[in-house]
Amino acid sequence: MNETIMRNHNSRVKKDDVLIHVGDFAFKNSENMKYKGDGVPTKASSYEDQLNGKIIFVQGNHDGNNGTKAIIRNMKIKLGGYLINIVHDPKYVSYDVELNLVGHVHQVWKCMRFFKGKKYTDAFNVGVDVNKFSPITIEEIISQWSKWKKTQPYNEVKNEVKK
């Protein structure tokens, strides 16, 4: 699986491209870990060294032990005419933007609308599980999200996030 993800990454990402990784870059396991058996004893840097592009890491819930030293919890960028919030866990979406890029949910869903009172925001899952185990470009995200938005009613009860 790791080899497939790295091969797909390098086929899409050029050496000088900037890639924002939305958490859980590598799940490192060790003898002293509380939960054993879900990761490998490989440090994130050994994977990062094999990948094209300049990677900006947003911290995921499994990034505390893998060596990424990710200190960014969330970030807002203006890109493609949109103000976009980037955060690992969708329970921390921002309602001050129209679009949030998230990970964490694996293949549970690709797009989701969240409501908090009368405010709403959309989240797009950029995880490899729902994107053919490859990075996805901002143009692809906007295109897929725009098509999805056209099919979604604005139901204020569904998907309310409680923090």
Foldseek 3Di string as FASTA:
>chain_A
DLVVLQVQQQVPAAQAAEEEDAECQAQAADPPDPDPDPHHPAASVVSVVSHHHHYQYAYDPRPPPRPPPHPHQKDWDQPPNFTEIEHADVLPHDLVGQEYEYEDPQVPDAKDWEADPPTIHMYGYQDCNNVVSYGDDPVRVVVVVVVVVVVDDDDRPPHYRDD
